[in-house]
Structure formats: structure tokens, C-alpha cells
C-alpha atoms as a PDB file:
ATOM      1  CA  MET A   1    -111.673  13.170  55.480  1.00  0.00           C
ATOM      2  CA  ALA A   2    -112.018   9.748  53.825  1.00  0.00           C
ATOM      3  CA  LEU A   3    -114.630   7.778  51.913  1.00  0.00           C
ATOM      4  CA  VAL A   4    -115.245   4.361  53.453  1.00  0.00           C
ATOM      5  CA  THR A   5    -117.304   1.598  51.803  1.00  0.00           C
ATOM      6  CA  SER A   6    -118.954  -1.048  53.968  1.00  0.00           C
ATOM      7  CA  CYS A   7    -121.243  -3.617  52.273  1.00  0.00           C
ATOM      8  CA  GLY A   8    -122.142  -1.126  49.561  1.00  0.00           C
ATOM      9  CA  LEU A   9    -123.087   1.671  52.007  1.00  0.00           C
ATOM     10  CA  GLN A  10    -120.912   4.745  51.704  1.00  0.00           C
ATOM     11  CA  VAL A  11    -120.167   6.882  54.737  1.00  0.00           C
ATOM     12  CA  TRP A  12    -117.945   9.865  55.408  1.00  0.00           C
ATOM     13  CA  ARG A  13    -115.435   9.699  58.238  1.00  0.00           C
ATOM     14  CA  SER A  14    -114.326  13.117  59.439  1.00  0.00           C
ATOM     15  CA  ALA A  15    -112.654  14.146  62.717  1.00  0.00           C
ATOM     16  CA  GLY A  16    -113.313  10.730  64.251  1.00  0.00           C
ATOM     17  CA  ARG A  17    -117.057  10.920  63.576  1.00  0.00           C
ATOM     18  CA  THR A  18    -118.987   8.894  61.051  1.00  0.00           C
ATOM     19  CA  SER A  19    -122.294  10.023  59.633  1.00  0.00           C
ATOM     20  CA  LEU A  20    -124.556   8.551  57.037  1.00  0.00           C
ATOM     21  CA  LEU A  21    -124.968  10.290  53.723  1.00  0.00           C
ATOM     22  CA  ASN A  22    -128.317  11.822  53.057  1.00  0.00           C
ATOM     23  CA  THR A  23    -130.699   8.906  52.677  1.00  0.00           C
ATOM     24  CA  ARG A  24    -132.429  10.342  49.666  1.00  0.00           C
ATOM     25  CA  VAL A  25    -129.115  10.791  47.825  1.00  0.00           C
ATOM     26  CA  ILE A  26    -128.073   7.221  48.579  1.00  0.00           C
ATOM     27  CA  SER A  27    -131.388   5.829  47.389  1.00  0.00           C
ATOM     28  CA  SER A  28    -130.979   7.590  44.080  1.00  0.00           C
ATOM     29  CA  PHE A  29    -127.725   5.774  43.343  1.00  0.00           C
ATOM     30  CA  PHE A  30    -127.819   2.648  45.489  1.00  0.00           C
ATOM     31  CA  PRO A  31    -131.466   1.533  45.751  1.00  0.00           C
ATOM     32  CA  VAL A  32    -130.713  -2.055  46.702  1.00  0.00           C
ATOM     33  CA  THR A  33    -127.314  -2.082  48.416  1.00  0.00           C
ATOM     34  CA  LEU A  34    -128.872  -0.943  51.685  1.00  0.00           C
ATOM     35  CA  ARG A  35    -130.515  -4.347  51.947  1.00  0.00           C
ATOM     36  CA  CYS A  36    -127.202  -6.069  52.646  1.00  0.00           C
ATOM     37  CA  ILE A  37    -127.165  -4.807  56.259  1.00  0.00           C
ATOM     38  CA  HIS A  38    -129.756  -6.347  58.570  1.00  0.00           C
ATOM     39  CA  GLY A  39    -130.952  -6.105  62.116  1.00  0.00           C
ATOM     40  CA  SER A  40    -130.579  -2.398  62.844  1.00  0.00           C
ATOM     41  CA  ARG A  41    -133.624  -0.212  63.551  1.00  0.00           C
ATOM     42  CA  GLN A  42    -131.819   2.580  61.769  1.00  0.00           C
ATOM     43  CA  ASN A  43    -131.263   0.387  58.714  1.00  0.00           C
ATOM     44  CA  LYS A  44    -134.935  -0.593  58.662  1.00  0.00           C
ATOM     45  CA  GLN A  45    -135.799   3.077  58.667  1.00  0.00           C
ATOM     46  CA  LEU A  46    -133.372   3.639  55.814  1.00  0.00           C
ATOM     47  CA  GLU A  47    -134.972   0.838  53.796  1.00  0.00           C
ATOM     48  CA  SER A  48    -138.359   2.376  54.402  1.00  0.00           C
ATOM     49  CA  ASN A  49    -137.100   5.720  53.161  1.00  0.00           C
ATOM     50  CA  VAL A  50    -135.582   4.084  50.060  1.00  0.00           C
ATOM     51  CA  ARG A  51    -138.918   2.522  49.172  1.00  0.00           C
ATOM     52  CA  ASP A  52    -140.603   5.880  49.562  1.00  0.00           C
ATOM     53  CA  THR A  53    -138.344   7.509  46.964  1.00  0.00           C
ATOM     54  CA  GLY A  54    -139.908   5.482  44.161  1.00  0.00           C
ATOM     55  CA  SER A  55    -136.543   4.081  43.008  1.00  0.00           C
ATOM     56  CA  ARG A  56    -137.095   0.337  42.841  1.00  0.00           C
ATOM     57  CA  HIS A  57    -135.111  -2.679  41.759  1.00  0.00           C
ATOM     58  CA  PHE A  58    -136.972  -4.570  39.014  1.00  0.00           C
ATOM     59  CA  LYS A  59    -137.523  -7.538  41.334  1.00  0.00           C
ATOM     60  CA  ARG A  60    -139.506  -5.285  43.648  1.00  0.00           C
ATOM     61  CA  SER A  61    -141.658  -3.789  40.918  1.00  0.00           C
ATOM     62  CA  ASN A  62    -145.333  -3.191  41.605  1.00  0.00           C
ATOM     63  CA  SER A  63    -146.120  -4.980  38.345  1.00  0.00           C
ATOM     64  CA  PRO A  64    -146.880  -8.712  38.734  1.00  0.00           C
ATOM     65  CA  HIS A  65    -144.199 -11.077  37.505  1.00  0.00           C
ATOM     66  CA  PRO A  66    -145.273 -12.511  34.123  1.00  0.00           C
ATOM     67  CA  LEU A  67    -144.693 -16.073  35.325  1.00  0.00           C
ATOM     68  CA  TYR A  68    -146.854 -15.748  38.413  1.00  0.00           C
ATOM     69  CA  ASN A  69    -149.778 -13.447  37.794  1.00  0.00           C
ATOM     70  CA  LYS A  70    -152.354 -16.246  37.920  1.00  0.00           C
ATOM     71  CA  VAL A  71    -153.045 -18.878  40.550  1.00  0.00           C
ATOM     72  CA  ASP A  72    -154.990 -22.121  40.483  1.00  0.00           C
ATOM     73  CA  PRO A  73    -157.859 -22.932  42.894  1.00  0.00           C
ATOM     74  CA  HIS A  74    -155.298 -24.080  45.459  1.00  0.00           C
ATOM     75  CA  GLY A  75    -153.385 -20.804  45.372  1.00  0.00           C
ATOM     76  CA  ASN A  76    -150.408 -22.194  43.456  1.00  0.00           C
ATOM     77  CA  PRO A  77    -148.850 -20.008  40.725  1.00  0.00           C
ATOM     78  CA  VAL A  78    -149.869 -20.812  37.150  1.00  0.00           C
ATOM     79  CA  TRP A  79    -147.139 -20.546  34.518  1.00  0.00           C
ATOM     80  CA  ILE A  80    -147.646 -17.744  32.008  1.00  0.00           C
ATOM     81  CA  ASN A  81    -145.490 -17.553  28.883  1.00  0.00           C
ATOM     82  CA  PRO A  82    -143.543 -14.259  29.063  1.00  0.00           C
ATOM     83  CA  ILE A  83    -142.365 -14.307  25.439  1.00  0.00           C
ATOM     84  CA  ASP A  84    -143.908 -14.776  22.023  1.00  0.00           C
ATOM     85  CA  ASN A  85    -143.786 -18.164  20.344  1.00  0.00           C
ATOM     86  CA  THR A  86    -145.357 -19.843  17.357  1.00  0.00           C
ATOM     87  CA  VAL A  87    -148.904 -21.124  17.866  1.00  0.00           C
ATOM     88  CA  TRP A  88    -149.521 -23.710  15.175  1.00  0.00           C
ATOM     89  CA  THR A  89    -152.815 -24.148  13.379  1.00  0.00           C
ATOM     90  CA  GLU A  90    -154.431 -27.571  13.138  1.00  0.00           C
ATOM     91  CA  GLU A  91    -153.634 -27.671   9.446  1.00  0.00           C
ATOM     92  CA  GLU A  92    -149.956 -26.959  10.107  1.00  0.00           C
ATOM     93  CA  VAL A  93    -149.446 -29.612  12.789  1.00  0.00           C
ATOM     94  CA  LEU A  94    -151.212 -32.274  10.733  1.00  0.00           C
ATOM     95  CA  SER A  95    -149.220 -31.482   7.581  1.00  0.00           C
ATOM     96  CA  VAL A  96    -145.797 -32.178   9.136  1.00  0.00           C
ATOM     97  CA  LYS A  97    -144.021 -35.130   7.543  1.00  0.00           C
ATOM     98  CA  PRO A  98    -140.544 -36.607   7.975  1.00  0.00           C
ATOM     99  CA  THR A  99    -138.214 -35.282   5.297  1.00  0.00           C
ATOM    100  CA  HIS A 100    -134.551 -35.669   4.459  1.00  0.00           C
ATOM    101  CA  VAL A 101    -131.975 -33.392   2.813  1.00  0.00           C
ATOM    102  CA  ASN A 102    -129.410 -35.470   0.955  1.00  0.00           C
ATOM    103  CA  PRO A 103    -125.773 -34.628   1.785  1.00  0.00           C
ATOM    104  CA  LYS A 104    -124.220 -32.552  -0.981  1.00  0.00           C
ATOM    105  CA  ASP A 105    -120.559 -32.436  -0.017  1.00  0.00           C
ATOM    106  CA  LEU A 106    -118.039 -33.706   2.523  1.00  0.00           C
ATOM    107  CA  PRO A 107    -119.148 -31.484   5.452  1.00  0.00           C
ATOM    108  CA  ASP A 108    -122.743 -32.604   4.883  1.00  0.00           C
ATOM    109  CA  ARG A 109    -121.715 -36.253   4.792  1.00  0.00           C
ATOM    110  CA  ILE A 110    -119.709 -35.839   8.009  1.00  0.00           C
ATOM    111  CA  ALA A 111    -122.675 -34.207   9.751  1.00  0.00           C
ATOM    112  CA  TYR A 112    -125.076 -36.908   8.590  1.00  0.00           C
ATOM    113  CA  ALA A 113    -122.691 -39.724   9.530  1.00  0.00           C
ATOM    114  CA  LEU A 114    -122.325 -38.306  13.044  1.00  0.00           C
ATOM    115  CA  ILE A 115    -126.090 -38.148  13.462  1.00  0.00           C
ATOM    116  CA  ARG A 116    -126.534 -41.743  12.288  1.00  0.00           C
ATOM    117  CA  VAL A 117    -123.884 -42.953  14.744  1.00  0.00           C
ATOM    118  CA  ILE A 118    -125.382 -40.955  17.614  1.00  0.00           C
ATOM    119  CA  ARG A 119    -128.920 -42.076  16.794  1.00  0.00           C
ATOM    120  CA  THR A 120    -128.009 -45.755  16.573  1.00  0.00           C
ATOM    121  CA  GLY A 121    -125.921 -45.657  19.735  1.00  0.00           C
ATOM    122  CA  PHE A 122    -128.557 -43.846  21.754  1.00  0.00           C
ATOM    123  CA  ASP A 123    -131.346 -46.141  20.559  1.00  0.00           C
ATOM    124  CA  ILE A 124    -129.389 -49.126  21.824  1.00  0.00           C
ATOM    125  CA  PHE A 125    -128.162 -47.514  25.034  1.00  0.00           C
ATOM    126  CA  SER A 126    -131.617 -46.228  26.034  1.00  0.00           C
ATOM    127  CA  GLY A 127    -133.366 -49.489  25.150  1.00  0.00           C
ATOM    128  CA  TYR A 128    -135.499 -47.726  22.549  1.00  0.00           C
ATOM    129  CA  SER A 129    -134.584 -50.309  19.910  1.00  0.00           C
ATOM    130  CA  PHE A 130    -135.846 -53.228  21.976  1.00  0.00           C
ATOM    131  CA  GLY A 131    -139.514 -54.053  22.289  1.00  0.00           C
ATOM    132  CA  PRO A 132    -142.566 -51.899  21.567  1.00  0.00           C
ATOM    133  CA  ILE A 133    -142.723 -48.260  22.559  1.00  0.00           C
ATOM    134  CA  ASN A 134    -144.516 -47.310  25.776  1.00  0.00           C
ATOM    135  CA  GLU A 135    -145.001 -44.152  27.821  1.00  0.00           C
ATOM    136  CA  ARG A 136    -142.101 -44.810  30.176  1.00  0.00           C
ATOM    137  CA  LYS A 137    -139.635 -45.580  27.386  1.00  0.00           C
ATOM    138  CA  PHE A 138    -140.697 -42.584  25.321  1.00  0.00           C
ATOM    139  CA  LEU A 139    -140.497 -40.143  28.234  1.00  0.00           C
ATOM    140  CA  ARG A 140    -137.049 -41.375  29.202  1.00  0.00           C
ATOM    141  CA  ARG A 141    -135.891 -40.830  25.639  1.00  0.00           C
ATOM    142  CA  VAL A 142    -137.349 -37.389  24.944  1.00  0.00           C
ATOM    143  CA  ILE A 143    -136.509 -35.889  28.339  1.00  0.00           C
ATOM    144  CA  PHE A 144    -132.870 -36.835  27.872  1.00  0.00           C
ATOM    145  CA  LEU A 145    -132.775 -35.622  24.279  1.00  0.00           C
ATOM    146  CA  GLU A 146    -134.433 -32.287  25.053  1.00  0.00           C
ATOM    147  CA  THR A 147    -131.819 -31.522  27.717  1.00  0.00           C
ATOM    148  CA  VAL A 148    -129.245 -31.707  24.925  1.00  0.00           C
ATOM    149  CA  ALA A 149    -131.336 -30.312  22.058  1.00  0.00           C
ATOM    150  CA  GLY A 150    -131.425 -26.879  23.702  1.00  0.00           C
ATOM    151  CA  ILE A 151    -127.633 -26.565  23.518  1.00  0.00           C
ATOM    152  CA  PRO A 152    -126.912 -25.823  19.805  1.00  0.00           C
ATOM    153  CA  GLY A 153    -129.104 -22.726  19.598  1.00  0.00           C
ATOM    154  CA  MET A 154    -127.688 -21.303  22.822  1.00  0.00           C
ATOM    155  CA  VAL A 155    -124.062 -21.975  21.856  1.00  0.00           C
ATOM    156  CA  ALA A 156    -124.455 -20.578  18.347  1.00  0.00           C
ATOM    157  CA  GLY A 157    -126.467 -17.596  19.552  1.00  0.00           C
ATOM    158  CA  SER A 158    -123.921 -16.809  22.265  1.00  0.00           C
ATOM    159  CA  LEU A 159    -120.981 -17.032  19.886  1.00  0.00           C
ATOM    160  CA  ARG A 160    -122.660 -14.785  17.329  1.00  0.00           C
ATOM    161  CA  HIS A 161    -123.633 -12.384  20.109  1.00  0.00           C
ATOM    162  CA  LEU A 162    -120.018 -12.121  21.237  1.00  0.00           C
ATOM    163  CA  LYS A 163    -118.854 -11.714  17.645  1.00  0.00           C
ATOM    164  CA  SER A 164    -121.330  -8.874  17.113  1.00  0.00           C
ATOM    165  CA  LEU A 165    -120.043  -7.144  20.251  1.00  0.00           C
ATOM    166  CA  ARG A 166    -116.412  -7.763  19.384  1.00  0.00           C
ATOM    167  CA  LEU A 167    -116.668  -6.490  15.809  1.00  0.00           C
ATOM    168  CA  MET A 168    -119.240  -3.842  16.726  1.00  0.00           C
ATOM    169  CA  LYS A 169    -121.416  -4.890  13.806  1.00  0.00           C
ATOM    170  CA  ARG A 170    -124.967  -6.119  13.319  1.00  0.00           C
ATOM    171  CA  ASP A 171    -125.679  -9.833  13.343  1.00  0.00           C
ATOM    172  CA  HIS A 172    -128.403  -9.644  10.669  1.00  0.00           C
ATOM    173  CA  GLY A 173    -131.025 -11.505  12.651  1.00  0.00           C
ATOM    174  CA  TRP A 174    -129.335 -14.804  13.461  1.00  0.00           C
ATOM    175  CA  ILE A 175    -129.061 -14.369  17.225  1.00  0.00           C
ATOM    176  CA  HIS A 176    -132.786 -14.047  17.883  1.00  0.00           C
ATOM    177  CA  THR A 177    -133.658 -17.134  15.822  1.00  0.00           C
ATOM    178  CA  LEU A 178    -130.974 -19.255  17.490  1.00  0.00           C
ATOM    179  CA  LEU A 179    -131.882 -18.246  21.040  1.00  0.00           C
ATOM    180  CA  GLU A 180    -135.562 -18.731  20.230  1.00  0.00           C
ATOM    181  CA  GLU A 181    -134.735 -22.283  19.162  1.00  0.00           C
ATOM    182  CA  ALA A 182    -132.903 -22.968  22.423  1.00  0.00           C
ATOM    183  CA  GLU A 183    -135.811 -21.607  24.477  1.00  0.00           C
ATOM    184  CA  ASN A 184    -138.301 -23.678  22.493  1.00  0.00           C
ATOM    185  CA  GLU A 185    -136.369 -26.886  23.174  1.00  0.00           C
ATOM    186  CA  ARG A 186    -136.257 -26.006  26.868  1.00  0.00           C
ATOM    187  CA  MET A 187    -140.037 -25.629  26.850  1.00  0.00           C
ATOM    188  CA  HIS A 188    -140.340 -29.118  25.414  1.00  0.00           C
ATOM    189  CA  LEU A 189    -138.328 -30.377  28.375  1.00  0.00           C
ATOM    190  CA  LEU A 190    -140.414 -28.492  30.938  1.00  0.00           C
ATOM    191  CA  THR A 191    -143.596 -29.852  29.364  1.00  0.00           C
ATOM    192  CA  PHE A 192    -142.531 -33.495  29.568  1.00  0.00           C
ATOM    193  CA  MET A 193    -141.169 -32.952  33.058  1.00  0.00           C
ATOM    194  CA  GLN A 194    -144.793 -32.578  34.147  1.00  0.00           C
ATOM    195  CA  LEU A 195    -145.157 -36.301  33.453  1.00  0.00           C
ATOM    196  CA  LYS A 196    -141.922 -37.683  34.900  1.00  0.00           C
ATOM    197  CA  SER A 197    -139.326 -36.649  37.470  1.00  0.00           C
ATOM    198  CA  PRO A 198    -135.945 -38.249  36.644  1.00  0.00           C
ATOM    199  CA  ASN A 199    -133.882 -39.825  39.403  1.00  0.00           C
ATOM    200  CA  ILE A 200    -130.387 -38.789  40.446  1.00  0.00           C
ATOM    201  CA  VAL A 201    -128.670 -41.285  38.115  1.00  0.00           C
ATOM    202  CA  PHE A 202    -130.564 -39.920  35.128  1.00  0.00           C
ATOM    203  CA  ARG A 203    -129.684 -36.363  36.147  1.00  0.00           C
ATOM    204  CA  GLY A 204    -126.030 -37.308  36.441  1.00  0.00           C
ATOM    205  CA  MET A 205    -126.081 -38.685  32.898  1.00  0.00           C
ATOM    206  CA  VAL A 206    -127.666 -35.446  31.694  1.00  0.00           C
ATOM    207  CA  LEU A 207    -124.911 -33.450  33.400  1.00  0.00           C
ATOM    208  CA  ALA A 208    -122.221 -35.496  31.667  1.00  0.00           C
ATOM    209  CA  ALA A 209    -123.925 -35.341  28.273  1.00  0.00           C
ATOM    210  CA  GLN A 210    -124.372 -31.570  28.491  1.00  0.00           C
ATOM    211  CA  GLY A 211    -120.744 -31.006  29.436  1.00  0.00           C
ATOM    212  CA  ILE A 212    -119.466 -33.110  26.558  1.00  0.00           C
ATOM    213  CA  PHE A 213    -121.895 -31.892  23.901  1.00  0.00           C
ATOM    214  CA  TRP A 214    -121.667 -28.205  24.840  1.00  0.00           C
ATOM    215  CA  ASN A 215    -117.891 -28.155  24.445  1.00  0.00           C
ATOM    216  CA  LEU A 216    -117.849 -30.233  21.271  1.00  0.00           C
ATOM    217  CA  TYR A 217    -120.472 -28.039  19.632  1.00  0.00           C
ATOM    218  CA  PHE A 218    -118.743 -24.892  20.869  1.00  0.00           C
ATOM    219  CA  PHE A 219    -115.454 -25.744  19.185  1.00  0.00           C
ATOM    220  CA  GLY A 220    -117.240 -27.189  16.166  1.00  0.00           C
ATOM    221  CA  TYR A 221    -119.119 -23.939  15.634  1.00  0.00           C
ATOM    222  CA  LEU A 222    -115.907 -21.950  15.850  1.00  0.00           C
ATOM    223  CA  ILE A 223    -114.452 -24.121  13.086  1.00  0.00           C
ATOM    224  CA  SER A 224    -117.448 -24.554  10.771  1.00  0.00           C
ATOM    225  CA  PRO A 225    -120.834 -22.964  11.572  1.00  0.00           C
ATOM    226  CA  ARG A 226    -122.202 -24.288   8.287  1.00  0.00           C
ATOM    227  CA  THR A 227    -121.464 -27.911   9.216  1.00  0.00           C
ATOM    228  CA  CYS A 228    -122.933 -27.421  12.686  1.00  0.00           C
ATOM    229  CA  HIS A 229    -126.213 -26.083  11.290  1.00  0.00           C
ATOM    230  CA  ARG A 230    -126.396 -29.017   8.886  1.00  0.00           C
ATOM    231  CA  PHE A 231    -125.736 -31.326  11.845  1.00  0.00           C
ATOM    232  CA  VAL A 232    -128.666 -29.782  13.749  1.00  0.00           C
ATOM    233  CA  GLY A 233    -130.834 -30.029  10.644  1.00  0.00           C
ATOM    234  CA  TYR A 234    -130.196 -33.773  10.509  1.00  0.00           C
ATOM    235  CA  LEU A 235    -130.701 -34.029  14.266  1.00  0.00           C
ATOM    236  CA  GLU A 236    -134.117 -32.414  13.924  1.00  0.00           C
ATOM    237  CA  GLU A 237    -134.980 -34.782  11.079  1.00  0.00           C
ATOM    238  CA  GLU A 238    -134.541 -37.605  13.562  1.00  0.00           C
ATOM    239  CA  ALA A 239    -136.624 -35.735  16.146  1.00  0.00           C
ATOM    240  CA  VAL A 240    -139.494 -35.432  13.670  1.00  0.00           C
ATOM    241  CA  LYS A 241    -139.268 -39.189  13.044  1.00  0.00           C
ATOM    242  CA  THR A 242    -139.339 -39.887  16.794  1.00  0.00           C
ATOM    243  CA  TYR A 243    -142.441 -37.787  17.441  1.00  0.00           C
ATOM    244  CA  THR A 244    -144.162 -39.128  14.326  1.00  0.00           C
ATOM    245  CA  LYS A 245    -143.649 -42.683  15.575  1.00  0.00           C
ATOM    246  CA  ALA A 246    -144.961 -41.676  18.999  1.00  0.00           C
ATOM    247  CA  ILE A 247    -148.120 -40.203  17.469  1.00  0.00           C
ATOM    248  CA  GLU A 248    -148.630 -43.342  15.386  1.00  0.00           C
ATOM    249  CA  ALA A 249    -148.063 -45.517  18.459  1.00  0.00           C
ATOM    250  CA  LEU A 250    -150.613 -43.495  20.412  1.00  0.00           C
ATOM    251  CA  ASP A 251    -153.190 -43.908  17.617  1.00  0.00           C
ATOM    252  CA  GLN A 252    -152.482 -47.647  17.587  1.00  0.00           C
ATOM    253  CA  GLY A 253    -153.144 -47.933  21.320  1.00  0.00           C
ATOM    254  CA  LEU A 254    -149.524 -48.512  22.366  1.00  0.00           C
ATOM    255  CA  LEU A 255    -149.631 -45.464  24.665  1.00  0.00           C
ATOM    256  CA  PRO A 256    -152.983 -46.138  26.362  1.00  0.00           C
ATOM    257  CA  THR A 257    -152.578 -43.782  29.334  1.00  0.00           C
ATOM    258  CA  TRP A 258    -151.976 -40.860  26.979  1.00  0.00           C
ATOM    259  CA  LYS A 259    -155.048 -41.526  24.828  1.00  0.00           C
ATOM    260  CA  THR A 260    -157.229 -39.261  26.922  1.00  0.00           C
ATOM    261  CA  LYS A 261    -154.629 -37.742  29.246  1.00  0.00           C
ATOM    262  CA  PRO A 262    -155.112 -33.946  29.426  1.00  0.00           C
ATOM    263  CA  ALA A 263    -152.281 -31.775  28.164  1.00  0.00           C
ATOM    264  CA  PRO A 264    -150.228 -30.152  30.965  1.00  0.00           C
ATOM    265  CA  ASP A 265    -151.247 -26.574  31.733  1.00  0.00           C
ATOM    266  CA  ILE A 266    -147.823 -25.316  30.667  1.00  0.00           C
ATOM    267  CA  ALA A 267    -148.395 -26.816  27.202  1.00  0.00           C
ATOM    268  CA  LYS A 268    -151.850 -25.252  26.898  1.00  0.00           C
ATOM    269  CA  THR A 269    -150.392 -21.848  27.674  1.00  0.00           C
ATOM    270  CA  TYR A 270    -147.264 -22.149  25.548  1.00  0.00           C
ATOM    271  CA  TRP A 271    -148.882 -23.499  22.371  1.00  0.00           C
ATOM    272  CA  GLY A 272    -152.288 -21.938  22.893  1.00  0.00           C
ATOM    273  CA  LEU A 273    -153.972 -25.343  23.066  1.00  0.00           C
ATOM    274  CA  ALA A 274    -157.656 -25.741  23.802  1.00  0.00           C
ATOM    275  CA  GLU A 275    -158.755 -26.517  27.354  1.00  0.00           C
ATOM    276  CA  ASP A 276    -159.803 -30.040  26.341  1.00  0.00           C
ATOM    277  CA  SER A 277    -156.525 -30.786  24.516  1.00  0.00           C
ATOM    278  CA  THR A 278    -154.739 -34.063  25.186  1.00  0.00           C
ATOM    279  CA  MET A 279    -151.214 -35.425  25.001  1.00  0.00           C
ATOM    280  CA  ARG A 280    -151.752 -36.128  21.306  1.00  0.00           C
ATOM    281  CA  ASP A 281    -152.136 -32.398  20.723  1.00  0.00           C
ATOM    282  CA  VAL A 282    -148.911 -31.805  22.656  1.00  0.00           C
ATOM    283  CA  LEU A 283    -147.018 -34.317  20.517  1.00  0.00           C
ATOM    284  CA  LEU A 284    -148.339 -32.698  17.347  1.00  0.00           C
ATOM    285  CA  ALA A 285    -147.215 -29.245  18.508  1.00  0.00           C
ATOM    286  CA  VAL A 286    -143.756 -30.450  19.553  1.00  0.00           C
ATOM    287  CA  ARG A 287    -143.314 -32.242  16.233  1.00  0.00           C
ATOM    288  CA  ALA A 288    -144.219 -29.033  14.389  1.00  0.00           C
ATOM    289  CA  ASP A 289    -141.568 -27.193  16.404  1.00  0.00           C
ATOM    290  CA  GLU A 290    -138.951 -29.796  15.520  1.00  0.00           C
ATOM    291  CA  ALA A 291    -139.871 -29.634  11.831  1.00  0.00           C
ATOM    292  CA  ASN A 292    -139.436 -25.878  12.004  1.00  0.00           C
ATOM    293  CA  HIS A 293    -135.965 -26.224  13.570  1.00  0.00           C
ATOM    294  CA  ARG A 294    -135.108 -28.782  10.887  1.00  0.00           C
ATOM    295  CA  ASP A 295    -135.996 -26.419   8.054  1.00  0.00           C
ATOM    296  CA  VAL A 296    -134.387 -23.378   9.708  1.00  0.00           C
ATOM    297  CA  ASN A 297    -131.045 -25.071  10.324  1.00  0.00           C
ATOM    298  CA  HIS A 298    -130.902 -26.648   6.875  1.00  0.00           C
ATOM    299  CA  THR A 299    -131.493 -23.164   5.459  1.00  0.00           C
ATOM    300  CA  LEU A 300    -128.872 -21.509   7.685  1.00  0.00           C
ATOM    301  CA  SER A 301    -126.333 -24.133   6.612  1.00  0.00           C
ATOM    302  CA  THR A 302    -126.619 -22.849   3.035  1.00  0.00           C
ATOM    303  CA  LEU A 303    -125.905 -19.229   3.988  1.00  0.00           C
ATOM    304  CA  LYS A 304    -122.707 -17.370   4.666  1.00  0.00           C
ATOM    305  CA  SER A 305    -122.421 -16.188   8.254  1.00  0.00           C
ATOM    306  CA  SER A 306    -122.554 -12.588   7.019  1.00  0.00           C
ATOM    307  CA  GLU A 307    -125.833 -13.024   5.115  1.00  0.00           C
ATOM    308  CA  VAL A 308    -129.197 -11.918   6.466  1.00  0.00           C
ATOM    309  CA  ASN A 309    -131.232 -14.571   8.265  1.00  0.00           C
ATOM    310  CA  PRO A 310    -134.366 -14.972   6.096  1.00  0.00           C
ATOM    311  CA  TYR A 311    -136.457 -15.949   9.121  1.00  0.00           C
ATOM    312  CA  VAL A 312    -136.331 -12.464  10.586  1.00  0.00           C
ATOM    313  CA  TYR A 313    -138.795 -11.261   7.969  1.00  0.00           C
ATOM    314  CA  PRO A 314    -142.421 -10.882   9.116  1.00  0.00           C
ATOM    315  CA  GLN A 315    -144.576 -13.955   8.683  1.00  0.00           C
ATOM    316  CA  GLY A 316    -146.155 -13.978   5.281  1.00  0.00           C
ATOM    317  CA  SER A 317    -143.632 -11.626   3.685  1.00  0.00           C
ATOM    318  CA  THR A 318    -142.184 -14.507   1.681  1.00  0.00           C
ATOM    319  CA  ASP A 319    -143.710 -17.850   0.837  1.00  0.00           C
ATOM    320  CA  GLN A 320    -140.388 -19.636   0.979  1.00  0.00           C
ATOM    321  CA  HIS A 321    -139.600 -18.742   4.582  1.00  0.00           C
ATOM    322  CA  ARG A 322    -142.905 -18.326   6.352  1.00  0.00           C
ATOM    323  CA  ARG A 323    -141.764 -19.630   9.745  1.00  0.00           C
END
């Protein structure tokens, strides 16, 4: 008597005869592996029996998927935010101003110098330094930057996650904040992608930039997490400047098609914007996000990696770290 496995379906072979295990037993342990065999009437019957047992894979849940439980008038799925995120008040988005933390030591000066070199080089390479700002130039800039801006939080969060598993100790709240930052930057990208679809050359440049930056930040974080968080803090300072200039340009009429352009539906859902919100409201919300990342990373750069992340406290529990 031998146990034979074929495409995840276990059968007993005894005295030259093969019989299927009791269907109900199989469905209790292997609710989805039966799907790998197709075409047989017997297999279809087995699948039917598996569904009847009530043991379901999460993808076949009766509950609607959080991303697709609404449709527009044309029957297309409407994006629904499946996780919590900060919804800024009007007072908060209007109060954001560019700020700068002066370098205090050599690691800070190295981080700031790198950001200045990267900023200057990218401004020249992307053409942002030449001529007045317009919608096309701004979209090209921010879409590229957001594909990279989501890397630091994911790298740092992943490394701290692995460290927590390896040492079998708590992380003290850093992981959630870092992964939340990465997800927020990705949402910025998805929002602006509603306005422009990059060509294959642009996508190839993104691929190269991600590969280079991911690995550099990965090894940098292994060496000095503090310097990396200061680097991101300075990076976000530049992001706040970029979005502030865009808002000023829009108010000055340099972005005429965005003056009354409605905010994408994904932005209305994610930031809780009003139905009549425009691209100006989107820019204000994104800038508030970037200011938050700026302050968070500058704060994390002053902490030891074993200290508690102050941003895990409930909102309002401390005036110094509200966000």
C-alpha cells in the first residue's frame, strides 16, 4: 500500500487499484488543490462537493472584495480603500510650509549632500529646471519620483520585520509606520497615474532607478538606519517644496487645465475629499502627506533602533507627535 501525490490530490494505491480518498476528508485539508485538475466530470463533482463543505479559500469568500464592492454607472469597479489612512482637515493642509532641519553632524551632512546632488541632477535631467512649470512637466516629475519614494519605507519596514522575527522580539511600532509610509507613496503614484500613462521608455527608466535605489538603500539601512531616516527626511523636505511650487503655479494660472479639473475618484476615496474637489485639493493632500513623512523620518533619525516609535501612540495622546 502506498501514498501517491498527483497535483496535490492524494490517492491510495492498493492491490493494483486506485481509489479516491473520501471527498469530505480531502476538502477539510486541501480545499483548493482539487482545482489543479481540469476536464473530468468526476473532478467537477469533487469541486462541487468541496464547495458544499463550507471550507473556502479566501479568494472565493462570499464577502465582496474591498476593492471592488462598488461599480460606476457603466458597471466598472470603483476603487475602495481597504486600509485606514490619514484624512487631513482643511486647516491642516493649508498650514503646511516648507521647513528644513539643519545638519548636526557628519551623517546628517552626508545625507543632506546626497539629497542636494540628487535633486540638482534630477532637475536638470528631467528638464524641470528649464522653462516654466506645466502639467506635462510636473506629472513626468512626480510620477517618476513617487515610484522611488515608496522604496525607503518598504525596505526599512522589511528589514525591521526580519530582525523582529530573527531575534524573536517586538519591534516597538516602527514596522507599521514604515510600511504605512510606503503604501501612502504608492497611492500618490496611483492617483497621478489617472492623469498620465507613461510610455515604455519611461517605464524602463523607472525599472532601472528602482533596482539601483532599492539596493543602495537596503545596504545603507543595514549600515546606518539613522542616516537613512535623515536622508528620507531631507528627501521629503524637497517633496514639500515641489508640491508647494505646484500649488503656487496652479494659483498663478500656470497649470490652467488643472484649475477646475475634478479630482480622480481614487483620490476622493483615499483622502476623503468632497465630491466637488479639484486637483488643487489633491495637491494639498499629497503635500500634507509628504510633510508628515518629513517630520516622521526626522524624528526617527534621532532615536535608537531599540526605542519606541512615538507615532504609534493614539492621535491626540501627545501634542508633540500628533501624526
